[in-house]
N, C-alpha and C. Protein backbone atom coordinates (compact mmCIF):
# COMPACT_ATOMS: atom_id res chain seq x y z
N MET A 1 -23.19 6.44 2.66
CA MET A 1 -22.20 6.59 1.52
C MET A 1 -21.07 5.81 1.73
N ALA A 2 -20.48 5.29 0.61
CA ALA A 2 -19.24 4.63 0.97
C ALA A 2 -18.18 5.18 1.39
N LEU A 3 -17.93 6.51 0.89
CA LEU A 3 -16.61 7.19 1.40
C LEU A 3 -16.87 7.96 2.80
N ASP A 4 -18.10 8.14 3.23
CA ASP A 4 -18.56 8.22 4.72
C ASP A 4 -17.76 7.28 5.37
N LYS A 5 -18.54 5.99 5.14
CA LYS A 5 -18.11 4.61 6.04
C LYS A 5 -16.78 4.85 5.99
N LEU A 6 -15.90 4.86 5.17
CA LEU A 6 -14.53 4.81 5.21
C LEU A 6 -14.13 5.97 6.07
N ARG A 7 -14.36 6.64 6.16
CA ARG A 7 -13.87 7.89 6.94
C ARG A 7 -14.14 7.86 8.25
N GLU A 8 -15.46 7.02 8.74
CA GLU A 8 -15.78 6.81 9.86
C GLU A 8 -14.68 5.90 10.48
N SER A 9 -14.59 4.78 9.73
CA SER A 9 -13.46 3.99 10.10
C SER A 9 -12.20 4.35 10.32
N LEU A 10 -11.56 4.87 9.51
CA LEU A 10 -10.30 5.83 9.54
C LEU A 10 -10.31 6.61 10.78
N ASP A 11 -11.40 7.28 11.21
CA ASP A 11 -11.44 8.26 12.41
C ASP A 11 -11.35 7.09 13.48
N LYS A 12 -11.96 5.98 13.48
CA LYS A 12 -11.86 5.07 14.47
C LYS A 12 -10.67 4.74 15.04
N VAL A 13 -9.82 4.52 13.85
CA VAL A 13 -8.42 3.72 13.85
C VAL A 13 -7.77 4.85 14.54
N ASN A 14 -7.86 6.04 14.10
CA ASN A 14 -7.35 7.43 14.71
C ASN A 14 -7.40 7.71 15.98
N ILE A 15 -8.52 7.45 16.54
CA ILE A 15 -8.74 7.36 18.00
C ILE A 15 -7.91 6.53 18.67
N TYR A 16 -8.05 5.34 18.43
CA TYR A 16 -7.45 3.95 18.84
C TYR A 16 -5.92 4.40 19.03
N LEU A 17 -5.18 4.80 18.07
CA LEU A 17 -3.95 4.87 17.57
C LEU A 17 -3.42 6.43 18.89
N LYS A 18 -4.47 7.33 18.77
CA LYS A 18 -3.91 8.34 19.62
C LYS A 18 -4.22 8.13 21.25
N ASP A 19 -5.11 6.93 21.34
CA ASP A 19 -5.03 6.40 22.74
C ASP A 19 -3.87 5.14 22.99
N ARG A 20 -3.25 5.29 21.87
CA ARG A 20 -2.26 4.07 22.01
C ARG A 20 -3.03 2.53 22.28
N ASP A 21 -3.89 2.39 21.82
CA ASP A 21 -4.84 0.90 21.99
C ASP A 21 -4.40 0.42 20.59
N PHE A 22 -3.33 -0.27 20.71
CA PHE A 22 -2.90 -0.62 19.25
C PHE A 22 -3.68 -2.12 18.90
N ASP A 23 -4.28 -2.98 19.62
CA ASP A 23 -5.02 -3.94 19.50
C ASP A 23 -6.26 -3.49 18.99
N LYS A 24 -6.93 -2.76 19.47
CA LYS A 24 -8.12 -2.02 18.80
C LYS A 24 -8.01 -1.30 17.51
N ALA A 25 -6.76 -0.48 17.58
CA ALA A 25 -6.54 -0.12 15.80
C ALA A 25 -6.40 -1.04 15.04
N SER A 26 -5.67 -2.15 15.21
CA SER A 26 -5.10 -3.07 14.20
C SER A 26 -6.41 -3.74 13.96
N GLN A 27 -7.26 -4.19 14.93
CA GLN A 27 -8.85 -4.66 14.58
C GLN A 27 -9.44 -4.00 13.88
N ALA A 28 -9.78 -2.97 14.24
CA ALA A 28 -10.57 -1.77 13.32
C ALA A 28 -10.01 -1.66 11.94
N GLY A 29 -8.65 -1.65 11.92
CA GLY A 29 -7.80 -1.61 10.41
C GLY A 29 -8.24 -2.78 9.71
N TYR A 30 -8.16 -4.05 10.16
CA TYR A 30 -8.25 -5.17 9.26
C TYR A 30 -9.59 -5.45 9.09
N GLU A 31 -10.75 -5.03 9.99
CA GLU A 31 -11.93 -5.13 9.69
C GLU A 31 -12.82 -4.16 9.00
N ASP A 32 -12.82 -3.01 9.86
CA ASP A 32 -13.78 -2.05 9.19
C ASP A 32 -13.49 -1.23 8.20
N VAL A 33 -11.75 -0.88 8.16
CA VAL A 33 -11.42 -0.22 7.37
C VAL A 33 -11.18 -0.93 5.69
N ALA A 34 -10.98 -2.30 5.86
CA ALA A 34 -10.67 -2.86 4.98
C ALA A 34 -11.98 -3.45 4.20
N GLN A 35 -12.82 -3.55 5.15
CA GLN A 35 -14.29 -3.67 4.42
C GLN A 35 -14.88 -2.83 3.91
N ASN A 36 -14.68 -1.65 4.37
CA ASN A 36 -15.19 -0.17 3.79
C ASN A 36 -14.30 0.11 2.73
N PHE A 37 -13.16 -0.05 2.63
CA PHE A 37 -12.24 0.33 1.38
C PHE A 37 -12.82 -0.48 0.16
N VAL A 38 -12.81 -1.86 0.41
CA VAL A 38 -13.32 -2.98 -0.50
C VAL A 38 -14.83 -2.26 -1.10
N TYR A 39 -15.55 -1.94 -0.27
CA TYR A 39 -17.07 -1.60 -0.91
C TYR A 39 -16.75 -0.09 -1.52
N LEU A 40 -15.96 0.88 -1.14
CA LEU A 40 -15.69 1.80 -1.73
C LEU A 40 -14.96 1.52 -3.23
N GLN A 41 -14.40 0.62 -3.24
CA GLN A 41 -13.80 0.20 -4.53
C GLN A 41 -14.70 -0.29 -5.65
N ARG A 42 -15.62 -1.08 -5.07
CA ARG A 42 -16.90 -1.73 -5.77
C ARG A 42 -17.72 -0.68 -6.36
N THR A 43 -17.90 -0.07 -5.33
CA THR A 43 -18.96 1.41 -5.85
C THR A 43 -18.20 2.34 -6.68
N LEU A 44 -16.91 2.47 -6.73
CA LEU A 44 -16.30 3.33 -7.64
C LEU A 44 -16.12 2.30 -9.19
N ALA A 45 -15.68 1.12 -9.34
CA ALA A 45 -16.03 0.21 -10.34
C ALA A 45 -17.29 0.17 -10.92
N GLY A 46 -18.37 0.47 -10.39
CA GLY A 46 -19.73 0.32 -10.66
C GLY A 46 -20.06 1.70 -11.52
N LEU A 47 -19.37 2.69 -10.89
CA LEU A 47 -19.38 4.18 -11.60
C LEU A 47 -18.53 4.13 -12.86
N GLN A 48 -17.43 3.66 -12.80
CA GLN A 48 -16.63 3.39 -14.03
C GLN A 48 -17.48 2.64 -15.09
N SER A 49 -18.16 1.57 -14.84
CA SER A 49 -18.74 0.83 -15.62
C SER A 49 -20.05 1.61 -16.55
N VAL A 50 -20.37 2.02 -15.74
CA VAL A 50 -21.69 3.26 -16.25
C VAL A 50 -21.14 4.30 -17.05
N ALA A 51 -19.90 4.82 -16.53
CA ALA A 51 -19.33 5.74 -17.34
C ALA A 51 -18.99 5.14 -18.95
N HIS A 52 -18.39 4.13 -19.01
CA HIS A 52 -17.75 3.54 -20.11
C HIS A 52 -18.91 2.66 -20.90
N ASP A 53 -20.13 2.58 -20.42
CA ASP A 53 -21.34 2.27 -20.95
C ASP A 53 -22.04 3.54 -21.57
N LYS A 54 -21.95 4.56 -21.12
CA LYS A 54 -22.24 5.88 -21.58
C LYS A 54 -21.55 6.12 -22.57
N ALA A 55 -20.43 6.20 -22.77
CA ALA A 55 -19.28 6.46 -23.57
C ALA A 55 -19.44 5.61 -25.00
N ALA A 56 -19.73 4.20 -24.78
CA ALA A 56 -20.09 3.20 -25.89
C ALA A 56 -21.37 3.73 -26.55
N LEU A 57 -22.47 3.79 -25.56
CA LEU A 57 -23.74 4.38 -26.23
C LEU A 57 -23.57 5.57 -27.24
N ILE A 58 -22.91 6.41 -26.82
CA ILE A 58 -22.55 7.71 -27.46
C ILE A 58 -21.96 7.65 -28.74
N SER A 59 -20.81 6.79 -28.56
CA SER A 59 -20.02 6.19 -29.61
C SER A 59 -20.91 5.63 -30.77
N GLY A 60 -21.59 4.52 -30.42
CA GLY A 60 -22.47 3.81 -31.22
C GLY A 60 -23.44 4.71 -31.99
N ILE A 61 -24.01 5.57 -31.13
CA ILE A 61 -25.03 6.62 -31.85
C ILE A 61 -24.65 7.28 -32.93
N ALA A 62 -23.06 8.02 -32.74
CA ALA A 62 -22.70 9.02 -33.46
C ALA A 62 -21.86 8.16 -35.00
N GLN A 63 -21.75 6.91 -34.79
CA GLN A 63 -21.15 5.94 -35.98
C GLN A 63 -22.44 5.72 -36.73
N SER A 64 -23.59 5.15 -35.95
CA SER A 64 -24.82 4.97 -36.80
C SER A 64 -25.26 6.21 -37.54
N ALA A 65 -25.06 7.24 -36.88
CA ALA A 65 -25.91 8.46 -37.69
C ALA A 65 -24.65 9.14 -38.57
N ASN A 66 -23.19 8.41 -38.41
CA ASN A 66 -22.27 9.03 -39.32
C ASN A 66 -21.79 10.32 -39.15
N VAL A 67 -22.07 10.82 -37.62
CA VAL A 67 -21.45 12.15 -37.13
C VAL A 67 -20.45 12.06 -36.00
N ALA A 68 -19.96 13.04 -35.51
CA ALA A 68 -18.62 13.24 -34.68
C ALA A 68 -19.13 12.91 -33.40
N TYR A 69 -18.56 12.07 -32.38
CA TYR A 69 -19.09 11.78 -31.04
C TYR A 69 -19.58 13.26 -30.23
N GLU A 70 -18.73 14.22 -30.50
CA GLU A 70 -18.71 15.39 -29.94
C GLU A 70 -20.28 16.03 -29.99
N ASP A 71 -20.80 15.71 -31.32
CA ASP A 71 -22.19 16.35 -31.94
C ASP A 71 -23.31 15.47 -31.09
N VAL A 72 -22.93 14.42 -30.69
CA VAL A 72 -24.17 13.70 -30.20
C VAL A 72 -23.97 13.44 -28.74
N SER A 73 -22.87 13.84 -28.14
CA SER A 73 -22.86 13.78 -26.70
C SER A 73 -23.80 14.78 -26.09
N PRO A 74 -24.08 15.93 -26.46
CA PRO A 74 -24.88 16.60 -25.53
C PRO A 74 -26.46 16.29 -25.34
N TYR A 75 -26.71 15.61 -26.68
CA TYR A 75 -28.08 15.08 -26.82
C TYR A 75 -28.49 13.88 -25.80
N VAL A 76 -27.24 12.90 -25.72
CA VAL A 76 -27.44 12.02 -24.79
C VAL A 76 -27.38 12.30 -23.43
N GLU A 77 -26.30 13.23 -23.30
CA GLU A 77 -26.41 13.70 -21.76
C GLU A 77 -27.47 14.12 -21.42
N GLU A 78 -28.22 15.00 -22.14
CA GLU A 78 -29.48 15.80 -21.67
C GLU A 78 -30.70 14.63 -21.65
N ARG A 79 -30.97 13.87 -22.46
CA ARG A 79 -31.94 12.55 -22.46
C ARG A 79 -31.54 11.97 -21.24
N LEU A 80 -30.27 11.67 -20.85
CA LEU A 80 -30.02 10.65 -19.66
C LEU A 80 -30.51 11.52 -18.24
N LEU A 81 -30.22 12.69 -18.37
CA LEU A 81 -30.30 13.24 -17.33
C LEU A 81 -31.89 13.75 -17.01
N ASN A 82 -32.82 13.48 -18.17
CA ASN A 82 -34.30 13.93 -17.84
C ASN A 82 -34.98 12.60 -18.13
N ARG A 83 -34.22 11.56 -17.73
CA ARG A 83 -35.27 10.50 -17.86
C ARG A 83 -36.25 10.31 -16.44
């Protein structure tokens, strides 16, 4: 998982800092932490995109059916969960 990888990288930096090994801490920070943070950001952006697409789908269905978003949402949610 993206968050687990970031935590592992931060733990590694923490160990290096406790050992006062600043060169390794800096290297791990610039490489591992930065890389895993970017990966986490991209993962979260993907989730945000999916949530936006789902909201747009619900809104479009509600508009076409001339009903409230809240009336359509539970049916779409159920359908997506049971795919």
